[in-house]
């Protein structure tokens, strides 16, 4: 296996040992591909996804902006969906990625949208 992938997987497992989400305080998990970014609000007690957003949604994909800007739009979208569900506090799961660039853009946009973590 590629060293970059295996080291990310180790970091991911180390993070997941320490954090988990509940119905009142779900986990915001981020997945970053080369072209897109996906986020989910996950309740780990039941193993269900409460809400999801990605850069492939029609309103976000229609805008021709840089990937970091799309990440900000995804963060704002998940914050809006969380507010509709009545969720104010979350646990952020960077999923083994470094906290900079697109991952940081999602987190900061979600904070600006009213989520606390």
C-alpha atoms as a PDB file:
ATOM      1  CA  UNK A   1       0.000   0.000   0.000  1.00  0.00           C
ATOM      2  CA  UNK A   2       1.072   3.558  -0.697  1.00  0.00           C
ATOM      3  CA  UNK A   3       2.865   5.117   2.294  1.00  0.00           C
ATOM      4  CA  UNK A   4       0.786   8.295   2.108  1.00  0.00           C
ATOM      5  CA  UNK A   5      -2.459   6.305   2.317  1.00  0.00           C
ATOM      6  CA  UNK A   6      -1.234   4.035   5.112  1.00  0.00           C
ATOM      7  CA  UNK A   7       0.010   6.944   7.223  1.00  0.00           C
ATOM      8  CA  UNK A   8      -3.335   8.754   6.732  1.00  0.00           C
ATOM      9  CA  UNK A   9      -5.118   5.579   7.804  1.00  0.00           C
ATOM     10  CA  UNK A  10      -2.999   5.390  10.998  1.00  0.00           C
ATOM     11  CA  UNK A  11      -3.801   9.022  11.815  1.00  0.00           C
ATOM     12  CA  UNK A  12      -7.480   8.379  11.075  1.00  0.00           C
ATOM     13  CA  UNK A  13      -7.638   5.446  13.512  1.00  0.00           C
ATOM     14  CA  UNK A  14      -5.789   7.427  16.171  1.00  0.00           C
ATOM     15  CA  UNK A  15      -8.335  10.255  15.870  1.00  0.00           C
ATOM     16  CA  UNK A  16     -11.331   7.900  15.858  1.00  0.00           C
ATOM     17  CA  UNK A  17     -10.187   6.244  19.109  1.00  0.00           C
ATOM     18  CA  UNK A  18     -10.677   9.565  20.866  1.00  0.00           C
ATOM     19  CA  UNK A  19     -13.821  11.017  19.261  1.00  0.00           C
ATOM     20  CA  UNK A  20     -17.318   9.779  18.500  1.00  0.00           C
ATOM     21  CA  UNK A  21     -20.609  11.454  17.735  1.00  0.00           C
ATOM     22  CA  UNK A  22     -24.050  11.165  19.316  1.00  0.00           C
ATOM     23  CA  UNK A  23     -27.533  12.263  18.245  1.00  0.00           C
ATOM     24  CA  UNK A  24     -27.198  15.579  20.104  1.00  0.00           C
ATOM     25  CA  UNK A  25     -23.499  16.074  19.324  1.00  0.00           C
ATOM     26  CA  UNK A  26     -22.806  14.341  15.962  1.00  0.00           C
ATOM     27  CA  UNK A  27     -19.438  13.846  14.304  1.00  0.00           C
ATOM     28  CA  UNK A  28     -18.703  15.985  11.232  1.00  0.00           C
ATOM     29  CA  UNK A  29     -16.608  13.715   9.022  1.00  0.00           C
ATOM     30  CA  UNK A  30     -14.730  15.146   6.036  1.00  0.00           C
ATOM     31  CA  UNK A  31     -13.628  13.211   2.948  1.00  0.00           C
ATOM     32  CA  UNK A  32     -11.455  14.950   0.403  1.00  0.00           C
ATOM     33  CA  UNK A  33     -10.850  13.560  -3.083  1.00  0.00           C
ATOM     34  CA  UNK A  34      -8.702  15.178  -5.750  1.00  0.00           C
ATOM     35  CA  UNK A  35     -11.653  17.025  -7.261  1.00  0.00           C
ATOM     36  CA  UNK A  36     -14.433  17.094  -4.658  1.00  0.00           C
ATOM     37  CA  UNK A  37     -15.076  17.300  -0.924  1.00  0.00           C
ATOM     38  CA  UNK A  38     -17.777  15.486   1.041  1.00  0.00           C
ATOM     39  CA  UNK A  39     -18.989  15.990   4.628  1.00  0.00           C
ATOM     40  CA  UNK A  40     -21.398  13.995   6.785  1.00  0.00           C
ATOM     41  CA  UNK A  41     -22.977  14.465  10.193  1.00  0.00           C
ATOM     42  CA  UNK A  42     -22.814  11.022  11.796  1.00  0.00           C
ATOM     43  CA  UNK A  43     -24.484   9.637  14.926  1.00  0.00           C
ATOM     44  CA  UNK A  44     -22.034   6.914  16.026  1.00  0.00           C
ATOM     45  CA  UNK A  45     -24.353   5.414  18.662  1.00  0.00           C
ATOM     46  CA  UNK A  46     -26.780   4.211  15.965  1.00  0.00           C
ATOM     47  CA  UNK A  47     -24.360   4.337  13.032  1.00  0.00           C
ATOM     48  CA  UNK A  48     -26.552   6.628  10.930  1.00  0.00           C
ATOM     49  CA  UNK A  49     -25.843   9.652   8.782  1.00  0.00           C
ATOM     50  CA  UNK A  50     -28.005  12.578   9.883  1.00  0.00           C
ATOM     51  CA  UNK A  51     -27.081  14.976   7.059  1.00  0.00           C
ATOM     52  CA  UNK A  52     -24.594  15.183   4.219  1.00  0.00           C
ATOM     53  CA  UNK A  53     -23.258  17.774   1.808  1.00  0.00           C
ATOM     54  CA  UNK A  54     -20.753  17.684  -1.012  1.00  0.00           C
ATOM     55  CA  UNK A  55     -19.256  19.802  -3.739  1.00  0.00           C
ATOM     56  CA  UNK A  56     -21.223  17.706  -6.248  1.00  0.00           C
ATOM     57  CA  UNK A  57     -24.576  19.176  -5.211  1.00  0.00           C
ATOM     58  CA  UNK A  58     -26.150  21.038  -8.138  1.00  0.00           C
ATOM     59  CA  UNK A  59     -26.063  24.532  -6.633  1.00  0.00           C
ATOM     60  CA  UNK A  60     -22.407  24.185  -5.570  1.00  0.00           C
ATOM     61  CA  UNK A  61     -21.171  22.338  -8.687  1.00  0.00           C
ATOM     62  CA  UNK A  62     -22.788  24.953 -10.954  1.00  0.00           C
ATOM     63  CA  UNK A  63     -20.443  27.647  -9.623  1.00  0.00           C
ATOM     64  CA  UNK A  64     -17.100  27.793 -11.367  1.00  0.00           C
ATOM     65  CA  UNK A  65     -14.807  28.611  -8.444  1.00  0.00           C
ATOM     66  CA  UNK A  66     -11.631  27.141  -6.960  1.00  0.00           C
ATOM     67  CA  UNK A  67     -11.739  23.985  -4.836  1.00  0.00           C
ATOM     68  CA  UNK A  68     -11.140  25.913  -1.599  1.00  0.00           C
ATOM     69  CA  UNK A  69     -14.093  28.191  -2.369  1.00  0.00           C
ATOM     70  CA  UNK A  70     -16.277  25.143  -3.067  1.00  0.00           C
ATOM     71  CA  UNK A  71     -15.188  23.760   0.304  1.00  0.00           C
ATOM     72  CA  UNK A  72     -16.436  26.931   1.985  1.00  0.00           C
ATOM     73  CA  UNK A  73     -19.787  26.508   0.230  1.00  0.00           C
ATOM     74  CA  UNK A  74     -19.975  22.885   1.432  1.00  0.00           C
ATOM     75  CA  UNK A  75     -19.249  24.004   5.018  1.00  0.00           C
ATOM     76  CA  UNK A  76     -22.019  26.590   4.843  1.00  0.00           C
ATOM     77  CA  UNK A  77     -24.399  24.007   3.359  1.00  0.00           C
ATOM     78  CA  UNK A  78     -23.801  21.448   6.139  1.00  0.00           C
ATOM     79  CA  UNK A  79     -24.209  24.183   8.761  1.00  0.00           C
ATOM     80  CA  UNK A  80     -27.582  25.113   7.237  1.00  0.00           C
ATOM     81  CA  UNK A  81     -28.710  21.470   7.214  1.00  0.00           C
ATOM     82  CA  UNK A  82     -27.597  21.014  10.826  1.00  0.00           C
ATOM     83  CA  UNK A  83     -29.531  24.107  11.908  1.00  0.00           C
ATOM     84  CA  UNK A  84     -32.667  22.669  10.241  1.00  0.00           C
ATOM     85  CA  UNK A  85     -32.199  19.496  12.298  1.00  0.00           C
ATOM     86  CA  UNK A  86     -31.730  21.557  15.467  1.00  0.00           C
ATOM     87  CA  UNK A  87     -28.055  20.624  15.870  1.00  0.00           C
ATOM     88  CA  UNK A  88     -25.806  23.330  17.279  1.00  0.00           C
ATOM     89  CA  UNK A  89     -22.749  21.449  18.614  1.00  0.00           C
ATOM     90  CA  UNK A  90     -20.656  18.916  16.697  1.00  0.00           C
ATOM     91  CA  UNK A  91     -17.369  17.009  16.948  1.00  0.00           C
ATOM     92  CA  UNK A  92     -15.025  17.671  14.001  1.00  0.00           C
ATOM     93  CA  UNK A  93     -13.353  14.641  12.387  1.00  0.00           C
ATOM     94  CA  UNK A  94     -10.666  15.646   9.902  1.00  0.00           C
ATOM     95  CA  UNK A  95     -10.406  11.974   8.896  1.00  0.00           C
ATOM     96  CA  UNK A  96      -6.597  11.809   8.840  1.00  0.00           C
ATOM     97  CA  UNK A  97      -6.144  14.893   6.660  1.00  0.00           C
ATOM     98  CA  UNK A  98      -4.035  17.816   7.796  1.00  0.00           C
ATOM     99  CA  UNK A  99      -6.042  20.749   9.140  1.00  0.00           C
ATOM    100  CA  UNK A 100      -5.273  23.256   6.385  1.00  0.00           C
ATOM    101  CA  UNK A 101      -6.502  24.128   2.920  1.00  0.00           C
ATOM    102  CA  UNK A 102      -9.849  22.630   1.979  1.00  0.00           C
ATOM    103  CA  UNK A 103     -10.430  20.834   5.305  1.00  0.00           C
ATOM    104  CA  UNK A 104      -9.844  24.067   7.207  1.00  0.00           C
ATOM    105  CA  UNK A 105     -12.136  25.958   4.797  1.00  0.00           C
ATOM    106  CA  UNK A 106     -14.992  23.518   5.521  1.00  0.00           C
ATOM    107  CA  UNK A 107     -14.477  23.842   9.281  1.00  0.00           C
ATOM    108  CA  UNK A 108     -14.348  27.628   9.282  1.00  0.00           C
ATOM    109  CA  UNK A 109     -17.448  27.937   7.050  1.00  0.00           C
ATOM    110  CA  UNK A 110     -19.348  25.551   9.335  1.00  0.00           C
ATOM    111  CA  UNK A 111     -18.329  27.675  12.339  1.00  0.00           C
ATOM    112  CA  UNK A 112     -19.513  30.825  10.580  1.00  0.00           C
ATOM    113  CA  UNK A 113     -22.779  29.016   9.820  1.00  0.00           C
ATOM    114  CA  UNK A 114     -23.434  28.666  13.560  1.00  0.00           C
ATOM    115  CA  UNK A 115     -21.987  25.261  14.469  1.00  0.00           C
ATOM    116  CA  UNK A 116     -19.920  24.994  17.655  1.00  0.00           C
ATOM    117  CA  UNK A 117     -16.956  22.616  17.913  1.00  0.00           C
END
